[in-house]
N, C-alpha and C. Protein backbone atom coordinates (compact mmCIF):
# COMPACT_ATOMS: atom_id res chain seq x y z
N MET A 1 5.63 -14.86 -15.35
CA MET A 1 5.98 -14.96 -13.94
C MET A 1 5.32 -16.21 -13.37
N ASP A 2 6.08 -16.98 -12.63
CA ASP A 2 5.54 -18.11 -11.89
C ASP A 2 5.21 -17.62 -10.48
N ALA A 3 3.94 -17.66 -10.14
CA ALA A 3 3.51 -17.17 -8.82
C ALA A 3 4.03 -18.09 -7.72
N LEU A 4 4.61 -17.49 -6.69
CA LEU A 4 5.06 -18.23 -5.52
C LEU A 4 3.91 -18.41 -4.52
N TYR A 5 2.92 -17.53 -4.62
CA TYR A 5 1.76 -17.56 -3.74
C TYR A 5 0.64 -16.82 -4.45
N THR A 6 -0.58 -17.26 -4.27
CA THR A 6 -1.73 -16.57 -4.84
C THR A 6 -2.76 -16.35 -3.74
N ALA A 7 -3.07 -15.10 -3.48
CA ALA A 7 -4.12 -14.75 -2.52
C ALA A 7 -5.45 -14.77 -3.26
N VAL A 8 -6.49 -15.23 -2.58
CA VAL A 8 -7.81 -15.29 -3.19
C VAL A 8 -8.82 -14.66 -2.24
N ALA A 9 -9.59 -13.72 -2.74
CA ALA A 9 -10.64 -13.09 -1.95
C ALA A 9 -11.84 -12.83 -2.87
N THR A 10 -13.01 -12.87 -2.28
CA THR A 10 -14.24 -12.63 -3.01
C THR A 10 -14.99 -11.48 -2.36
N ALA A 11 -15.44 -10.54 -3.18
CA ALA A 11 -16.26 -9.43 -2.69
C ALA A 11 -17.66 -9.56 -3.31
N THR A 12 -18.65 -9.34 -2.48
CA THR A 12 -20.03 -9.34 -2.96
C THR A 12 -20.64 -7.96 -2.71
N HIS A 13 -21.48 -7.53 -3.60
CA HIS A 13 -22.20 -6.25 -3.50
C HIS A 13 -21.28 -5.04 -3.53
N GLY A 14 -20.13 -5.17 -4.19
CA GLY A 14 -19.24 -4.03 -4.41
C GLY A 14 -18.79 -3.34 -3.14
N ARG A 15 -18.80 -2.01 -3.19
CA ARG A 15 -18.32 -1.22 -2.06
C ARG A 15 -19.25 -1.27 -0.85
N ASP A 16 -20.43 -1.79 -1.03
CA ASP A 16 -21.41 -1.84 0.06
C ASP A 16 -21.76 -3.29 0.37
N GLY A 17 -20.73 -4.10 0.57
CA GLY A 17 -20.97 -5.52 0.76
C GLY A 17 -20.02 -6.14 1.75
N ARG A 18 -19.40 -7.22 1.31
CA ARG A 18 -18.53 -7.99 2.19
C ARG A 18 -17.36 -8.51 1.36
N ALA A 19 -16.17 -8.59 1.99
CA ALA A 19 -14.99 -9.18 1.36
C ALA A 19 -14.49 -10.30 2.26
N VAL A 20 -14.27 -11.46 1.65
CA VAL A 20 -13.85 -12.64 2.40
C VAL A 20 -12.70 -13.31 1.65
N SER A 21 -11.63 -13.64 2.39
CA SER A 21 -10.52 -14.37 1.78
C SER A 21 -10.84 -15.85 1.78
N SER A 22 -10.21 -16.58 0.87
CA SER A 22 -10.49 -18.01 0.73
C SER A 22 -10.15 -18.81 1.99
N ASP A 23 -9.22 -18.31 2.80
CA ASP A 23 -8.86 -19.02 4.04
C ASP A 23 -9.66 -18.53 5.25
N GLY A 24 -10.53 -17.54 5.03
CA GLY A 24 -11.37 -17.01 6.10
C GLY A 24 -10.69 -16.03 7.04
N ARG A 25 -9.42 -15.75 6.84
CA ARG A 25 -8.72 -14.83 7.74
C ARG A 25 -9.20 -13.39 7.59
N ILE A 26 -9.68 -13.08 6.40
CA ILE A 26 -10.29 -11.76 6.18
C ILE A 26 -11.77 -12.00 5.95
N ASP A 27 -12.58 -11.28 6.70
CA ASP A 27 -14.03 -11.33 6.54
C ASP A 27 -14.53 -9.96 7.00
N LEU A 28 -14.65 -9.05 6.04
CA LEU A 28 -14.90 -7.66 6.37
C LEU A 28 -16.18 -7.13 5.76
N GLN A 29 -16.88 -6.33 6.55
CA GLN A 29 -18.00 -5.56 6.04
C GLN A 29 -17.41 -4.38 5.26
N LEU A 30 -17.91 -4.15 4.06
CA LEU A 30 -17.46 -3.04 3.23
C LEU A 30 -18.52 -1.94 3.23
N ALA A 31 -18.06 -0.72 3.18
CA ALA A 31 -18.97 0.42 3.07
C ALA A 31 -18.19 1.60 2.51
N PRO A 32 -18.81 2.36 1.64
CA PRO A 32 -18.14 3.57 1.15
C PRO A 32 -17.92 4.54 2.31
N PRO A 33 -16.83 5.31 2.25
CA PRO A 33 -16.61 6.32 3.29
C PRO A 33 -17.66 7.43 3.18
N VAL A 34 -17.84 8.14 4.25
CA VAL A 34 -18.79 9.25 4.28
C VAL A 34 -18.49 10.24 3.16
N GLU A 35 -17.18 10.46 2.89
CA GLU A 35 -16.77 11.44 1.86
C GLU A 35 -17.26 11.05 0.47
N LEU A 36 -17.57 9.77 0.27
CA LEU A 36 -18.09 9.31 -1.03
C LEU A 36 -19.58 8.99 -0.95
N GLY A 37 -20.24 9.49 0.08
CA GLY A 37 -21.68 9.32 0.20
C GLY A 37 -22.13 8.08 0.95
N GLY A 38 -21.19 7.36 1.54
CA GLY A 38 -21.55 6.15 2.28
C GLY A 38 -21.77 6.44 3.75
N ASN A 39 -22.06 5.37 4.48
CA ASN A 39 -22.27 5.54 5.91
C ASN A 39 -20.98 5.35 6.71
N GLY A 40 -19.91 4.90 6.06
CA GLY A 40 -18.62 4.73 6.74
C GLY A 40 -18.61 3.63 7.78
N GLN A 41 -19.58 2.72 7.75
CA GLN A 41 -19.70 1.69 8.78
C GLN A 41 -18.96 0.40 8.42
N GLY A 42 -18.02 0.49 7.52
CA GLY A 42 -17.20 -0.66 7.14
C GLY A 42 -15.90 -0.16 6.56
N THR A 43 -15.05 -1.07 6.19
CA THR A 43 -13.80 -0.67 5.54
C THR A 43 -14.09 -0.47 4.06
N ASN A 44 -13.14 0.08 3.34
CA ASN A 44 -13.33 0.32 1.92
C ASN A 44 -12.10 -0.12 1.15
N PRO A 45 -12.21 -0.28 -0.16
CA PRO A 45 -11.09 -0.78 -0.95
C PRO A 45 -9.82 0.07 -0.84
N GLU A 46 -9.98 1.36 -0.67
CA GLU A 46 -8.79 2.22 -0.57
C GLU A 46 -8.03 1.95 0.72
N GLN A 47 -8.74 1.68 1.81
CA GLN A 47 -8.08 1.33 3.07
C GLN A 47 -7.34 0.00 2.94
N LEU A 48 -7.97 -0.96 2.28
CA LEU A 48 -7.33 -2.26 2.09
C LEU A 48 -6.09 -2.14 1.22
N PHE A 49 -6.19 -1.34 0.16
CA PHE A 49 -5.04 -1.11 -0.72
C PHE A 49 -3.92 -0.41 0.05
N ALA A 50 -4.28 0.59 0.87
CA ALA A 50 -3.28 1.32 1.66
C ALA A 50 -2.56 0.38 2.62
N ALA A 51 -3.31 -0.48 3.30
CA ALA A 51 -2.69 -1.42 4.25
C ALA A 51 -1.76 -2.38 3.53
N GLY A 52 -2.20 -2.92 2.40
CA GLY A 52 -1.37 -3.85 1.64
C GLY A 52 -0.12 -3.19 1.10
N TYR A 53 -0.28 -1.99 0.55
CA TYR A 53 0.87 -1.29 -0.02
C TYR A 53 1.87 -0.94 1.08
N ALA A 54 1.40 -0.43 2.22
CA ALA A 54 2.31 -0.07 3.32
C ALA A 54 3.09 -1.29 3.80
N ALA A 55 2.41 -2.41 3.97
CA ALA A 55 3.08 -3.63 4.44
C ALA A 55 4.08 -4.14 3.42
N CYS A 56 3.68 -4.16 2.16
CA CYS A 56 4.55 -4.65 1.10
C CYS A 56 5.79 -3.76 0.96
N PHE A 57 5.58 -2.44 0.99
CA PHE A 57 6.71 -1.52 0.85
C PHE A 57 7.65 -1.66 2.04
N GLY A 58 7.10 -1.85 3.23
CA GLY A 58 7.94 -2.06 4.41
C GLY A 58 8.80 -3.30 4.27
N SER A 59 8.23 -4.36 3.71
CA SER A 59 9.01 -5.58 3.48
C SER A 59 10.10 -5.35 2.44
N ALA A 60 9.77 -4.62 1.38
CA ALA A 60 10.77 -4.31 0.35
C ALA A 60 11.90 -3.47 0.94
N LEU A 61 11.54 -2.52 1.81
CA LEU A 61 12.56 -1.69 2.46
C LEU A 61 13.46 -2.56 3.34
N GLY A 62 12.87 -3.51 4.05
CA GLY A 62 13.67 -4.43 4.87
C GLY A 62 14.63 -5.25 4.02
N LEU A 63 14.16 -5.71 2.86
CA LEU A 63 15.01 -6.49 1.96
C LEU A 63 16.20 -5.68 1.47
N VAL A 64 15.95 -4.47 0.97
CA VAL A 64 17.07 -3.67 0.45
C VAL A 64 17.97 -3.21 1.59
N GLY A 65 17.39 -3.01 2.77
CA GLY A 65 18.21 -2.67 3.94
C GLY A 65 19.17 -3.80 4.30
N ARG A 66 18.65 -5.03 4.32
CA ARG A 66 19.52 -6.18 4.62
C ARG A 66 20.61 -6.32 3.57
N GLN A 67 20.25 -6.13 2.30
CA GLN A 67 21.24 -6.24 1.23
C GLN A 67 22.34 -5.19 1.38
N ALA A 68 21.96 -4.00 1.86
CA ALA A 68 22.93 -2.91 2.05
C ALA A 68 23.57 -2.95 3.44
N LYS A 69 23.17 -3.95 4.24
CA LYS A 69 23.67 -4.08 5.61
C LYS A 69 23.36 -2.83 6.46
N VAL A 70 22.11 -2.34 6.27
CA VAL A 70 21.61 -1.20 7.03
C VAL A 70 20.36 -1.66 7.78
N ASP A 71 20.34 -1.43 9.08
CA ASP A 71 19.20 -1.87 9.90
C ASP A 71 18.05 -0.88 9.77
N VAL A 72 16.97 -1.33 9.15
CA VAL A 72 15.77 -0.49 9.01
C VAL A 72 14.56 -1.18 9.66
N THR A 73 14.83 -2.07 10.61
CA THR A 73 13.72 -2.81 11.23
C THR A 73 12.74 -1.90 11.97
N ASP A 74 13.18 -0.73 12.40
CA ASP A 74 12.29 0.19 13.10
C ASP A 74 11.62 1.20 12.17
N ALA A 75 11.75 1.02 10.87
CA ALA A 75 11.10 1.92 9.92
C ALA A 75 9.59 1.68 9.95
N ALA A 76 8.84 2.71 9.62
CA ALA A 76 7.38 2.60 9.51
C ALA A 76 6.96 3.21 8.18
N VAL A 77 6.00 2.57 7.52
CA VAL A 77 5.50 3.05 6.24
C VAL A 77 4.01 3.32 6.38
N THR A 78 3.60 4.52 6.03
CA THR A 78 2.20 4.90 6.01
C THR A 78 1.81 5.17 4.57
N ALA A 79 0.79 4.47 4.08
CA ALA A 79 0.31 4.69 2.72
C ALA A 79 -0.98 5.49 2.78
N GLU A 80 -1.02 6.56 2.02
CA GLU A 80 -2.23 7.36 1.88
C GLU A 80 -2.74 7.13 0.46
N VAL A 81 -3.94 6.59 0.33
CA VAL A 81 -4.51 6.29 -0.98
C VAL A 81 -5.71 7.21 -1.19
N GLY A 82 -5.60 8.07 -2.18
CA GLY A 82 -6.68 8.98 -2.52
C GLY A 82 -7.43 8.48 -3.75
N ILE A 83 -8.72 8.75 -3.78
CA ILE A 83 -9.55 8.41 -4.94
C ILE A 83 -10.27 9.67 -5.38
N GLY A 84 -10.37 9.84 -6.70
CA GLY A 84 -11.05 11.01 -7.22
C GLY A 84 -11.41 10.82 -8.68
N LYS A 85 -12.15 11.76 -9.19
CA LYS A 85 -12.56 11.72 -10.59
C LYS A 85 -11.33 11.82 -11.49
N GLN A 86 -11.34 11.01 -12.54
CA GLN A 86 -10.27 11.03 -13.53
C GLN A 86 -10.93 10.74 -14.88
N GLY A 87 -11.04 11.76 -15.69
CA GLY A 87 -11.72 11.59 -16.96
C GLY A 87 -13.17 11.20 -16.72
N GLU A 88 -13.62 10.17 -17.40
CA GLU A 88 -14.99 9.69 -17.26
C GLU A 88 -15.19 8.80 -16.04
N GLY A 89 -14.08 8.35 -15.43
CA GLY A 89 -14.18 7.43 -14.30
C GLY A 89 -13.49 7.97 -13.07
N PHE A 90 -12.83 7.07 -12.38
CA PHE A 90 -12.12 7.43 -11.15
C PHE A 90 -10.69 6.95 -11.23
N GLY A 91 -9.82 7.59 -10.46
CA GLY A 91 -8.42 7.21 -10.40
C GLY A 91 -7.93 7.26 -8.96
N LEU A 92 -6.75 6.71 -8.78
CA LEU A 92 -6.12 6.68 -7.46
C LEU A 92 -4.81 7.45 -7.49
N LYS A 93 -4.39 7.91 -6.33
CA LYS A 93 -3.05 8.45 -6.13
C LYS A 93 -2.57 7.98 -4.78
N VAL A 94 -1.27 7.83 -4.65
CA VAL A 94 -0.69 7.28 -3.43
C VAL A 94 0.44 8.17 -2.94
N THR A 95 0.49 8.39 -1.65
CA THR A 95 1.66 8.97 -0.99
C THR A 95 2.14 7.94 0.00
N LEU A 96 3.41 7.57 -0.11
CA LEU A 96 4.05 6.67 0.84
C LEU A 96 4.93 7.51 1.76
N ARG A 97 4.59 7.54 3.04
CA ARG A 97 5.37 8.26 4.04
C ARG A 97 6.22 7.25 4.79
N VAL A 98 7.53 7.39 4.64
CA VAL A 98 8.46 6.43 5.24
C VAL A 98 9.20 7.12 6.38
N GLU A 99 8.98 6.59 7.58
CA GLU A 99 9.68 7.09 8.75
C GLU A 99 10.85 6.15 9.01
N LEU A 100 12.04 6.66 8.77
CA LEU A 100 13.25 5.85 8.91
C LEU A 100 13.77 5.89 10.34
N PRO A 101 14.55 4.89 10.73
CA PRO A 101 15.09 4.85 12.10
C PRO A 101 15.98 6.06 12.38
N ASP A 102 16.00 6.48 13.64
CA ASP A 102 16.88 7.57 14.06
C ASP A 102 18.32 7.20 13.76
N GLY A 103 19.09 8.19 13.36
CA GLY A 103 20.52 7.98 13.13
C GLY A 103 20.87 7.60 11.71
N LEU A 104 19.88 7.29 10.88
CA LEU A 104 20.15 6.94 9.48
C LEU A 104 20.27 8.23 8.68
N ASP A 105 21.41 8.41 8.01
CA ASP A 105 21.61 9.66 7.28
C ASP A 105 20.65 9.75 6.08
N GLU A 106 20.34 10.99 5.71
CA GLU A 106 19.33 11.26 4.69
C GLU A 106 19.65 10.63 3.34
N ALA A 107 20.89 10.70 2.92
CA ALA A 107 21.26 10.17 1.60
C ALA A 107 21.08 8.64 1.56
N THR A 108 21.52 7.97 2.60
CA THR A 108 21.35 6.51 2.66
C THR A 108 19.88 6.15 2.72
N GLY A 109 19.12 6.88 3.53
CA GLY A 109 17.68 6.63 3.64
C GLY A 109 16.98 6.80 2.31
N ARG A 110 17.30 7.88 1.60
CA ARG A 110 16.68 8.14 0.30
C ARG A 110 17.01 7.02 -0.68
N LYS A 111 18.27 6.59 -0.70
CA LYS A 111 18.67 5.52 -1.61
C LYS A 111 17.92 4.22 -1.30
N LEU A 112 17.77 3.89 -0.02
CA LEU A 112 17.06 2.68 0.35
C LEU A 112 15.58 2.75 -0.03
N VAL A 113 14.96 3.90 0.19
CA VAL A 113 13.55 4.07 -0.15
C VAL A 113 13.35 3.97 -1.66
N GLU A 114 14.23 4.59 -2.43
CA GLU A 114 14.11 4.51 -3.89
C GLU A 114 14.38 3.09 -4.39
N SER A 115 15.30 2.38 -3.75
CA SER A 115 15.54 0.99 -4.12
C SER A 115 14.33 0.12 -3.78
N ALA A 116 13.73 0.36 -2.62
CA ALA A 116 12.53 -0.39 -2.23
C ALA A 116 11.40 -0.16 -3.24
N HIS A 117 11.32 1.05 -3.76
CA HIS A 117 10.29 1.40 -4.75
C HIS A 117 10.48 0.61 -6.04
N GLN A 118 11.70 0.20 -6.33
CA GLN A 118 11.98 -0.61 -7.52
C GLN A 118 11.69 -2.09 -7.28
N VAL A 119 11.75 -2.53 -6.02
CA VAL A 119 11.59 -3.93 -5.66
C VAL A 119 10.14 -4.28 -5.31
N CYS A 120 9.43 -3.38 -4.68
CA CYS A 120 8.09 -3.64 -4.15
C CYS A 120 7.11 -4.02 -5.26
N PRO A 121 6.42 -5.17 -5.13
CA PRO A 121 5.45 -5.57 -6.15
C PRO A 121 4.32 -4.55 -6.35
N TYR A 122 3.87 -3.90 -5.27
CA TYR A 122 2.82 -2.89 -5.43
C TYR A 122 3.35 -1.71 -6.24
N SER A 123 4.58 -1.28 -5.97
CA SER A 123 5.17 -0.19 -6.74
C SER A 123 5.30 -0.57 -8.21
N ASN A 124 5.72 -1.82 -8.45
CA ASN A 124 5.86 -2.27 -9.83
C ASN A 124 4.50 -2.35 -10.53
N ALA A 125 3.47 -2.73 -9.80
CA ALA A 125 2.13 -2.83 -10.39
C ALA A 125 1.54 -1.47 -10.69
N THR A 126 1.87 -0.47 -9.89
CA THR A 126 1.27 0.86 -10.07
C THR A 126 2.11 1.77 -10.96
N ARG A 127 3.38 1.45 -11.15
CA ARG A 127 4.28 2.34 -11.90
C ARG A 127 3.72 2.63 -13.29
N GLY A 128 3.60 3.92 -13.59
CA GLY A 128 3.10 4.35 -14.88
C GLY A 128 1.57 4.37 -14.95
N ASN A 129 0.92 3.87 -13.90
CA ASN A 129 -0.55 3.83 -13.89
C ASN A 129 -1.15 4.86 -12.95
N ILE A 130 -0.54 5.05 -11.80
CA ILE A 130 -1.03 6.04 -10.85
C ILE A 130 0.16 6.80 -10.28
N GLU A 131 -0.12 7.99 -9.79
CA GLU A 131 0.89 8.83 -9.17
C GLU A 131 1.25 8.25 -7.80
N VAL A 132 2.55 8.03 -7.55
CA VAL A 132 3.03 7.57 -6.25
C VAL A 132 4.13 8.53 -5.81
N ASP A 133 3.88 9.22 -4.71
CA ASP A 133 4.88 10.14 -4.15
C ASP A 133 5.55 9.48 -2.95
N LEU A 134 6.87 9.58 -2.90
CA LEU A 134 7.65 9.04 -1.78
C LEU A 134 8.05 10.20 -0.88
N VAL A 135 7.69 10.12 0.39
CA VAL A 135 8.03 11.17 1.36
C VAL A 135 8.80 10.50 2.50
N ILE A 136 10.00 11.02 2.77
CA ILE A 136 10.81 10.48 3.86
C ILE A 136 10.66 11.43 5.05
N GLU A 137 10.29 10.84 6.17
CA GLU A 137 10.05 11.68 7.38
C GLU A 137 11.03 11.31 8.47
């Protein structure tokens, strides 16, 4: 694959540190959530992954919507990223909740969401590696 764009970010001190993008647009204090024993006084990798996946999936949905000549500009995507023990380490699971525009029939909406799941780079990166559930609301 020839990359059309490469994002660059550096994290120091792991989950209890700082993440900064090379262009300075992201400069975040990191902290584990309270549920994982942290103080919750910063963002965490799962939140960042959820935000990126939701945005990327929304763009993929817009692309397949335009190709099908269906207006999905008012759609909203919420990504829920869970982390838990998996074998000797940890694993992730994702639920993508897609709120489609009013008036879009269920069959068309389902087809567009499933097509977006085939196009989205995050979906392609996670396919076969983590559980991703698609929920249409």
